[in-house]
C-alpha atoms as a PDB file:
ATOM      1  CA  MET A   1     -41.164  39.802 102.510  1.00  0.00           C
ATOM      2  CA  LYS A   2     -44.748  40.879 101.897  1.00  0.00           C
ATOM      3  CA  THR A   3     -47.589  38.414 102.348  1.00  0.00           C
ATOM      4  CA  LEU A   4     -50.699  38.560 100.185  1.00  0.00           C
ATOM      5  CA  PHE A   5     -53.861  37.007 101.607  1.00  0.00           C
ATOM      6  CA  LEU A   6     -56.480  35.909  99.075  1.00  0.00           C
ATOM      7  CA  GLU A   7     -59.940  35.041 100.344  1.00  0.00           C
ATOM      8  CA  ALA A   8     -61.590  31.991  98.808  1.00  0.00           C
ATOM      9  CA  ARG A   9     -65.360  31.763  99.345  1.00  0.00           C
ATOM     10  CA  VAL A  10     -67.412  28.593  98.918  1.00  0.00           C
ATOM     11  CA  GLU A  11     -70.507  29.001  96.754  1.00  0.00           C
ATOM     12  CA  ILE A  12     -72.914  27.142  98.977  1.00  0.00           C
ATOM     13  CA  LYS A  13     -76.143  28.095 100.740  1.00  0.00           C
ATOM     14  CA  ILE A  14     -76.191  26.999 104.365  1.00  0.00           C
ATOM     15  CA  ILE A  15     -79.453  26.368 106.208  1.00  0.00           C
ATOM     16  CA  LEU A  16     -79.244  24.984 109.726  1.00  0.00           C
ATOM     17  CA  PRO A  17     -81.396  21.874 110.329  1.00  0.00           C
ATOM     18  CA  ASP A  18     -84.232  21.944 112.857  1.00  0.00           C
ATOM     19  CA  SER A  19     -82.515  19.207 114.865  1.00  0.00           C
ATOM     20  CA  LEU A  20     -79.554  21.519 115.518  1.00  0.00           C
ATOM     21  CA  LEU A  21     -81.706  24.545 116.275  1.00  0.00           C
ATOM     22  CA  ALA A  22     -83.559  22.543 118.919  1.00  0.00           C
ATOM     23  CA  LYS A  23     -80.298  21.666 120.705  1.00  0.00           C
ATOM     24  CA  LEU A  24     -78.814  25.149 120.836  1.00  0.00           C
ATOM     25  CA  PRO A  25     -78.996  27.172 124.058  1.00  0.00           C
ATOM     26  CA  GLN A  26     -80.410  30.690 124.124  1.00  0.00           C
ATOM     27  CA  ARG A  27     -77.277  32.801 123.707  1.00  0.00           C
ATOM     28  CA  ILE A  28     -74.869  31.796 120.933  1.00  0.00           C
ATOM     29  CA  ALA A  29     -71.451  33.095 119.858  1.00  0.00           C
ATOM     30  CA  LEU A  30     -71.349  32.377 116.118  1.00  0.00           C
ATOM     31  CA  PHE A  31     -68.098  31.612 114.305  1.00  0.00           C
ATOM     32  CA  THR A  32     -67.123  30.423 110.854  1.00  0.00           C
ATOM     33  CA  THR A  33     -64.083  30.508 108.607  1.00  0.00           C
ATOM     34  CA  VAL A  34     -63.665  32.943 105.745  1.00  0.00           C
ATOM     35  CA  GLN A  35     -64.631  30.224 103.233  1.00  0.00           C
ATOM     36  CA  PHE A  36     -68.216  30.197 104.497  1.00  0.00           C
ATOM     37  CA  PHE A  37     -68.444  33.833 105.505  1.00  0.00           C
ATOM     38  CA  ASP A  38     -70.893  34.795 102.773  1.00  0.00           C
ATOM     39  CA  ASN A  39     -73.486  32.816 104.762  1.00  0.00           C
ATOM     40  CA  ILE A  40     -72.948  34.330 108.200  1.00  0.00           C
ATOM     41  CA  GLU A  41     -75.673  36.976 108.001  1.00  0.00           C
ATOM     42  CA  ALA A  42     -78.229  34.454 106.731  1.00  0.00           C
ATOM     43  CA  ILE A  43     -77.290  32.033 109.528  1.00  0.00           C
ATOM     44  CA  LYS A  44     -77.543  34.829 112.079  1.00  0.00           C
ATOM     45  CA  ASN A  45     -80.987  35.760 110.773  1.00  0.00           C
ATOM     46  CA  GLN A  46     -82.137  32.141 110.897  1.00  0.00           C
ATOM     47  CA  LEU A  47     -81.013  31.817 114.511  1.00  0.00           C
ATOM     48  CA  GLU A  48     -82.660  35.094 115.506  1.00  0.00           C
ATOM     49  CA  SER A  49     -85.901  33.973 113.860  1.00  0.00           C
ATOM     50  CA  GLU A  50     -85.813  31.103 116.354  1.00  0.00           C
ATOM     51  CA  ASN A  51     -85.484  33.658 119.187  1.00  0.00           C
ATOM     52  CA  LYS A  52     -81.792  32.962 119.724  1.00  0.00           C
ATOM     53  CA  THR A  53     -79.436  35.754 120.765  1.00  0.00           C
ATOM     54  CA  VAL A  54     -76.460  35.769 118.377  1.00  0.00           C
ATOM     55  CA  ILE A  55     -73.130  37.382 119.231  1.00  0.00           C
ATOM     56  CA  LEU A  56     -70.388  37.968 116.638  1.00  0.00           C
ATOM     57  CA  LEU A  57     -66.984  38.325 118.261  1.00  0.00           C
ATOM     58  CA  THR A  58     -63.785  39.690 116.737  1.00  0.00           C
ATOM     59  CA  GLY A  59     -60.621  37.906 117.817  1.00  0.00           C
ATOM     60  CA  PRO A  60     -56.983  38.921 117.400  1.00  0.00           C
ATOM     61  CA  HIS A  61     -56.035  39.379 113.713  1.00  0.00           C
ATOM     62  CA  SER A  62     -59.575  38.555 112.523  1.00  0.00           C
ATOM     63  CA  LYS A  63     -60.743  40.738 109.665  1.00  0.00           C
ATOM     64  CA  TYR A  64     -64.441  40.153 110.308  1.00  0.00           C
ATOM     65  CA  ALA A  65     -66.626  39.760 113.391  1.00  0.00           C
ATOM     66  CA  GLY A  66     -67.424  36.063 113.654  1.00  0.00           C
ATOM     67  CA  GLN A  67     -64.341  34.944 111.693  1.00  0.00           C
ATOM     68  CA  ALA A  68     -62.437  32.058 113.289  1.00  0.00           C
ATOM     69  CA  LEU A  69     -58.645  32.034 113.034  1.00  0.00           C
ATOM     70  CA  GLY A  70     -57.415  28.923 114.823  1.00  0.00           C
ATOM     71  CA  CYS A  71     -53.909  30.130 115.630  1.00  0.00           C
ATOM     72  CA  THR A  72     -55.170  33.223 117.454  1.00  0.00           C
ATOM     73  CA  ILE A  73     -58.367  32.031 119.136  1.00  0.00           C
ATOM     74  CA  GLU A  74     -58.307  32.946 122.804  1.00  0.00           C
ATOM     75  CA  ASP A  75     -60.493  33.347 125.864  1.00  0.00           C
ATOM     76  CA  PHE A  76     -63.368  35.589 124.783  1.00  0.00           C
ATOM     77  CA  ASP A  77     -63.877  36.948 128.268  1.00  0.00           C
ATOM     78  CA  ALA A  78     -66.949  39.209 128.353  1.00  0.00           C
ATOM     79  CA  GLU A  79     -65.211  41.958 130.317  1.00  0.00           C
ATOM     80  CA  LYS A  80     -62.031  41.890 128.242  1.00  0.00           C
ATOM     81  CA  TYR A  81     -63.899  42.034 124.939  1.00  0.00           C
ATOM     82  CA  ASN A  82     -66.687  44.259 126.256  1.00  0.00           C
ATOM     83  CA  ASN A  83     -69.255  41.856 124.841  1.00  0.00           C
ATOM     84  CA  GLU A  84     -72.358  40.173 126.105  1.00  0.00           C
ATOM     85  CA  SER A  85     -72.083  36.851 127.870  1.00  0.00           C
ATOM     86  CA  PHE A  86     -73.077  33.719 125.952  1.00  0.00           C
ATOM     87  CA  ASP A  87     -73.894  30.094 126.690  1.00  0.00           C
ATOM     88  CA  ALA A  88     -72.084  28.230 123.918  1.00  0.00           C
ATOM     89  CA  PHE A  89     -70.417  28.520 120.516  1.00  0.00           C
ATOM     90  CA  LEU A  90     -71.839  27.590 117.145  1.00  0.00           C
ATOM     91  CA  TYR A  91     -69.122  26.838 114.606  1.00  0.00           C
ATOM     92  CA  ILE A  92     -69.923  26.484 110.910  1.00  0.00           C
ATOM     93  CA  GLY A  93     -67.232  24.641 108.969  1.00  0.00           C
ATOM     94  CA  ASP A  94     -65.429  21.356 108.421  1.00  0.00           C
ATOM     95  CA  GLY A  95     -62.728  19.896 110.620  1.00  0.00           C
ATOM     96  CA  MET A  96     -62.098  20.160 114.361  1.00  0.00           C
ATOM     97  CA  PHE A  97     -59.143  22.584 114.371  1.00  0.00           C
ATOM     98  CA  HIS A  98     -61.079  25.782 115.100  1.00  0.00           C
ATOM     99  CA  PRO A  99     -63.827  24.414 117.371  1.00  0.00           C
ATOM    100  CA  ASP A 100     -61.278  22.491 119.431  1.00  0.00           C
ATOM    101  CA  ALA A 101     -59.420  25.760 120.043  1.00  0.00           C
ATOM    102  CA  LEU A 102     -62.655  27.519 121.011  1.00  0.00           C
ATOM    103  CA  LEU A 103     -63.480  24.769 123.495  1.00  0.00           C
ATOM    104  CA  ILE A 104     -60.082  24.587 125.182  1.00  0.00           C
ATOM    105  CA  LYS A 105     -59.585  28.340 125.469  1.00  0.00           C
ATOM    106  CA  ASN A 106     -63.117  29.088 126.704  1.00  0.00           C
ATOM    107  CA  GLN A 107     -64.362  25.875 128.340  1.00  0.00           C
ATOM    108  CA  LYS A 108     -67.794  26.294 126.785  1.00  0.00           C
ATOM    109  CA  ASP A 109     -69.610  23.762 124.599  1.00  0.00           C
ATOM    110  CA  VAL A 110     -69.075  24.126 120.860  1.00  0.00           C
ATOM    111  CA  TYR A 111     -71.838  23.027 118.479  1.00  0.00           C
ATOM    112  CA  CYS A 112     -70.288  22.256 115.087  1.00  0.00           C
ATOM    113  CA  TYR A 113     -72.202  22.102 111.832  1.00  0.00           C
ATOM    114  CA  ASN A 114     -70.420  20.746 108.750  1.00  0.00           C
ATOM    115  CA  PRO A 115     -72.000  22.310 105.607  1.00  0.00           C
ATOM    116  CA  TYR A 116     -70.623  19.507 103.402  1.00  0.00           C
ATOM    117  CA  THR A 117     -71.766  16.459 105.361  1.00  0.00           C
ATOM    118  CA  LYS A 118     -74.675  18.275 107.083  1.00  0.00           C
ATOM    119  CA  GLN A 119     -73.655  16.569 110.315  1.00  0.00           C
ATOM    120  CA  THR A 120     -73.652  18.095 113.793  1.00  0.00           C
ATOM    121  CA  THR A 121     -70.999  17.430 116.429  1.00  0.00           C
ATOM    122  CA  VAL A 122     -70.929  18.769 119.978  1.00  0.00           C
ATOM    123  CA  LEU A 123     -67.593  19.340 121.710  1.00  0.00           C
ATOM    124  CA  ASP A 124     -68.159  19.337 125.460  1.00  0.00           C
ATOM    125  CA  LYS A 125     -66.293  18.941 128.750  1.00  0.00           C
ATOM    126  CA  LEU A 126     -65.521  15.258 128.149  1.00  0.00           C
ATOM    127  CA  TRP A 127     -63.893  16.141 124.830  1.00  0.00           C
ATOM    128  CA  MET A 128     -61.907  18.933 126.478  1.00  0.00           C
ATOM    129  CA  ASP A 129     -60.730  16.857 129.446  1.00  0.00           C
ATOM    130  CA  LYS A 130     -58.817  14.502 127.150  1.00  0.00           C
ATOM    131  CA  SER A 131     -56.767  17.367 125.675  1.00  0.00           C
ATOM    132  CA  ILE A 132     -56.182  18.984 129.061  1.00  0.00           C
ATOM    133  CA  LYS A 133     -55.000  15.688 130.572  1.00  0.00           C
ATOM    134  CA  GLN A 134     -52.481  15.284 127.778  1.00  0.00           C
ATOM    135  CA  GLN A 135     -51.135  18.815 128.282  1.00  0.00           C
ATOM    136  CA  LYS A 136     -50.890  18.366 132.055  1.00  0.00           C
ATOM    137  CA  GLY A 137     -48.672  15.352 131.460  1.00  0.00           C
ATOM    138  CA  ALA A 138     -46.479  17.377 129.096  1.00  0.00           C
ATOM    139  CA  LEU A 139     -46.270  20.200 131.642  1.00  0.00           C
ATOM    140  CA  LEU A 140     -45.022  17.791 134.310  1.00  0.00           C
ATOM    141  CA  ARG A 141     -42.422  16.510 131.834  1.00  0.00           C
ATOM    142  CA  PHE A 142     -41.278  20.102 131.231  1.00  0.00           C
ATOM    143  CA  TYR A 143     -40.799  20.793 134.949  1.00  0.00           C
ATOM    144  CA  THR A 144     -38.734  17.631 135.418  1.00  0.00           C
ATOM    145  CA  SER A 145     -36.617  18.051 132.259  1.00  0.00           C
ATOM    146  CA  GLN A 146     -33.259  19.750 131.873  1.00  0.00           C
ATOM    147  CA  ASN A 147     -32.791  20.074 128.098  1.00  0.00           C
ATOM    148  CA  ILE A 148     -35.665  21.972 126.515  1.00  0.00           C
ATOM    149  CA  GLY A 149     -36.206  22.468 122.785  1.00  0.00           C
ATOM    150  CA  ILE A 150     -38.159  25.582 121.794  1.00  0.00           C
ATOM    151  CA  VAL A 151     -39.919  25.424 118.421  1.00  0.00           C
ATOM    152  CA  ILE A 152     -40.271  28.843 116.783  1.00  0.00           C
ATOM    153  CA  SER A 153     -42.075  29.551 113.522  1.00  0.00           C
ATOM    154  CA  ILE A 154     -41.045  32.589 111.472  1.00  0.00           C
ATOM    155  CA  LYS A 155     -44.446  32.735 109.756  1.00  0.00           C
ATOM    156  CA  PRO A 156     -46.368  36.011 110.208  1.00  0.00           C
ATOM    157  CA  GLY A 157     -48.684  35.729 113.188  1.00  0.00           C
ATOM    158  CA  GLN A 158     -46.812  32.713 114.600  1.00  0.00           C
ATOM    159  CA  TYR A 159     -43.423  34.295 115.354  1.00  0.00           C
ATOM    160  CA  HIS A 160     -43.101  34.552 119.141  1.00  0.00           C
ATOM    161  CA  LEU A 161     -39.400  34.897 119.935  1.00  0.00           C
ATOM    162  CA  ARG A 162     -40.271  37.205 122.849  1.00  0.00           C
ATOM    163  CA  LYS A 163     -42.128  34.369 124.566  1.00  0.00           C
ATOM    164  CA  ALA A 164     -39.140  32.082 124.098  1.00  0.00           C
ATOM    165  CA  ARG A 165     -36.826  34.596 125.735  1.00  0.00           C
ATOM    166  CA  GLU A 166     -39.320  35.115 128.554  1.00  0.00           C
ATOM    167  CA  LEU A 167     -39.362  31.367 129.136  1.00  0.00           C
ATOM    168  CA  GLU A 168     -35.569  31.243 129.346  1.00  0.00           C
ATOM    169  CA  LYS A 169     -35.523  34.005 131.966  1.00  0.00           C
ATOM    170  CA  LYS A 170     -38.224  32.305 134.014  1.00  0.00           C
ATOM    171  CA  PHE A 171     -36.285  29.011 134.187  1.00  0.00           C
ATOM    172  CA  PRO A 172     -32.571  29.963 134.336  1.00  0.00           C
ATOM    173  CA  ASN A 173     -31.498  26.513 135.545  1.00  0.00           C
ATOM    174  CA  LYS A 174     -32.708  24.751 132.404  1.00  0.00           C
ATOM    175  CA  LYS A 175     -30.832  24.520 129.094  1.00  0.00           C
ATOM    176  CA  PHE A 176     -32.832  25.856 126.158  1.00  0.00           C
ATOM    177  CA  TYR A 177     -32.222  25.135 122.466  1.00  0.00           C
ATOM    178  CA  THR A 178     -34.096  27.300 119.966  1.00  0.00           C
ATOM    179  CA  ILE A 179     -35.148  25.658 116.678  1.00  0.00           C
ATOM    180  CA  LEU A 180     -36.476  27.947 113.931  1.00  0.00           C
ATOM    181  CA  PHE A 181     -38.762  26.796 111.132  1.00  0.00           C
ATOM    182  CA  SER A 182     -40.823  28.373 108.412  1.00  0.00           C
ATOM    183  CA  THR A 183     -42.951  25.261 108.043  1.00  0.00           C
ATOM    184  CA  ILE A 184     -42.312  22.863 110.914  1.00  0.00           C
ATOM    185  CA  ASP A 185     -40.725  19.624 109.742  1.00  0.00           C
ATOM    186  CA  PHE A 186     -41.448  17.149 112.512  1.00  0.00           C
ATOM    187  CA  ASN A 187     -39.035  14.608 111.045  1.00  0.00           C
ATOM    188  CA  GLN A 188     -36.144  17.032 111.620  1.00  0.00           C
ATOM    189  CA  LEU A 189     -36.856  17.042 115.349  1.00  0.00           C
ATOM    190  CA  GLU A 190     -35.561  13.469 115.496  1.00  0.00           C
ATOM    191  CA  ASN A 191     -32.057  14.918 114.972  1.00  0.00           C
ATOM    192  CA  PHE A 192     -32.168  16.483 118.428  1.00  0.00           C
ATOM    193  CA  ASN A 193     -32.369  13.319 120.508  1.00  0.00           C
ATOM    194  CA  PHE A 194     -30.793  15.038 123.532  1.00  0.00           C
ATOM    195  CA  ILE A 195     -33.948  17.151 123.980  1.00  0.00           C
ATOM    196  CA  ASP A 196     -36.022  15.962 126.950  1.00  0.00           C
ATOM    197  CA  CYS A 197     -39.130  18.056 126.257  1.00  0.00           C
ATOM    198  CA  TRP A 198     -40.365  20.408 123.538  1.00  0.00           C
ATOM    199  CA  VAL A 199     -42.059  23.783 123.938  1.00  0.00           C
ATOM    200  CA  ASN A 200     -44.196  25.083 121.088  1.00  0.00           C
ATOM    201  CA  THR A 201     -44.364  28.850 120.486  1.00  0.00           C
ATOM    202  CA  ALA A 202     -45.973  28.685 117.027  1.00  0.00           C
ATOM    203  CA  CYS A 203     -49.641  27.936 116.404  1.00  0.00           C
ATOM    204  CA  PRO A 204     -51.001  26.839 119.820  1.00  0.00           C
ATOM    205  CA  ARG A 205     -52.966  24.015 118.214  1.00  0.00           C
ATOM    206  CA  ILE A 206     -49.721  22.176 117.370  1.00  0.00           C
ATOM    207  CA  ALA A 207     -49.189  21.016 120.945  1.00  0.00           C
ATOM    208  CA  TYR A 208     -52.707  19.555 120.964  1.00  0.00           C
ATOM    209  CA  ASP A 209     -53.287  18.275 117.435  1.00  0.00           C
ATOM    210  CA  ASP A 210     -49.754  17.217 116.471  1.00  0.00           C
ATOM    211  CA  PHE A 211     -48.343  15.999 119.795  1.00  0.00           C
ATOM    212  CA  LYS A 212     -47.909  12.477 118.410  1.00  0.00           C
ATOM    213  CA  LYS A 213     -45.555  13.839 115.741  1.00  0.00           C
ATOM    214  CA  PHE A 214     -43.039  15.010 118.352  1.00  0.00           C
ATOM    215  CA  PRO A 215     -40.354  12.535 119.476  1.00  0.00           C
ATOM    216  CA  LYS A 216     -40.816  13.722 123.085  1.00  0.00           C
ATOM    217  CA  ALA A 217     -43.570  15.442 125.049  1.00  0.00           C
ATOM    218  CA  VAL A 218     -44.608  18.894 123.797  1.00  0.00           C
ATOM    219  CA  ILE A 219     -46.251  21.715 125.743  1.00  0.00           C
ATOM    220  CA  ASP A 220     -47.588  25.027 124.464  1.00  0.00           C
ATOM    221  CA  VAL A 221     -45.609  28.003 125.778  1.00  0.00           C
ATOM    222  CA  ASP A 222     -48.700  29.754 127.171  1.00  0.00           C
ATOM    223  CA  GLU A 223     -49.413  26.738 129.353  1.00  0.00           C
ATOM    224  CA  ILE A 224     -46.122  27.522 131.115  1.00  0.00           C
ATOM    225  CA  LEU A 225     -45.987  31.320 131.079  1.00  0.00           C
ATOM    226  CA  ASN A 226     -49.672  31.953 131.794  1.00  0.00           C
ATOM    227  CA  PRO A 227     -51.155  28.758 133.261  1.00  0.00           C
ATOM    228  CA  ASP A 228     -54.232  30.576 134.581  1.00  0.00           C
ATOM    229  CA  ARG A 229     -55.025  32.106 131.168  1.00  0.00           C
ATOM    230  CA  ALA A 230     -53.909  29.265 128.895  1.00  0.00           C
ATOM    231  CA  ARG A 231     -57.359  27.710 128.724  1.00  0.00           C
END
């Protein structure tokens, strides 16, 4: 089945407030979603006029440099991406989905500017520690559990059956049950009450943002397979 992606752009002119510019460190990695992408060059120019160094990174599956795709945001290691080092992120957009992913994967402060409300939020180490503590608890539950449910999404970009099979090989003494979804229906998970712990292989944000929707603890698969690279 072919998938057609249609870009929807917001007709809005974004000008960063002086209060935000004063808070930003010297070297900034700038990100926004495709909705606000028509403004990225103007924002970059505004930052550079304030003597900021602006870096536009291209992540996995991103069409444009500086485009944030929450499901594929990863550690933008300078050596791996052959880019300059930077002090913090600046995210332009609404919601916490993308900036939360940037923070957890990179452990660098994320300055968020909402073009609709014109409010600024800073995600820092204290914000990150709460998410990491929750995932550490889920990881402990995984290690001590016998019956493991693996959630797999068949959506393009979220289908990671290989990781599920790798997990099964790594823990041969556990019993694994693979559950496939197109769109994950959390209510259906209640039917599998014998599952002791869930492993998410779909969008990595699910284990962080939707953990309360799972009947048991949920851990992202990368936290298990690659604990040193997971965040």
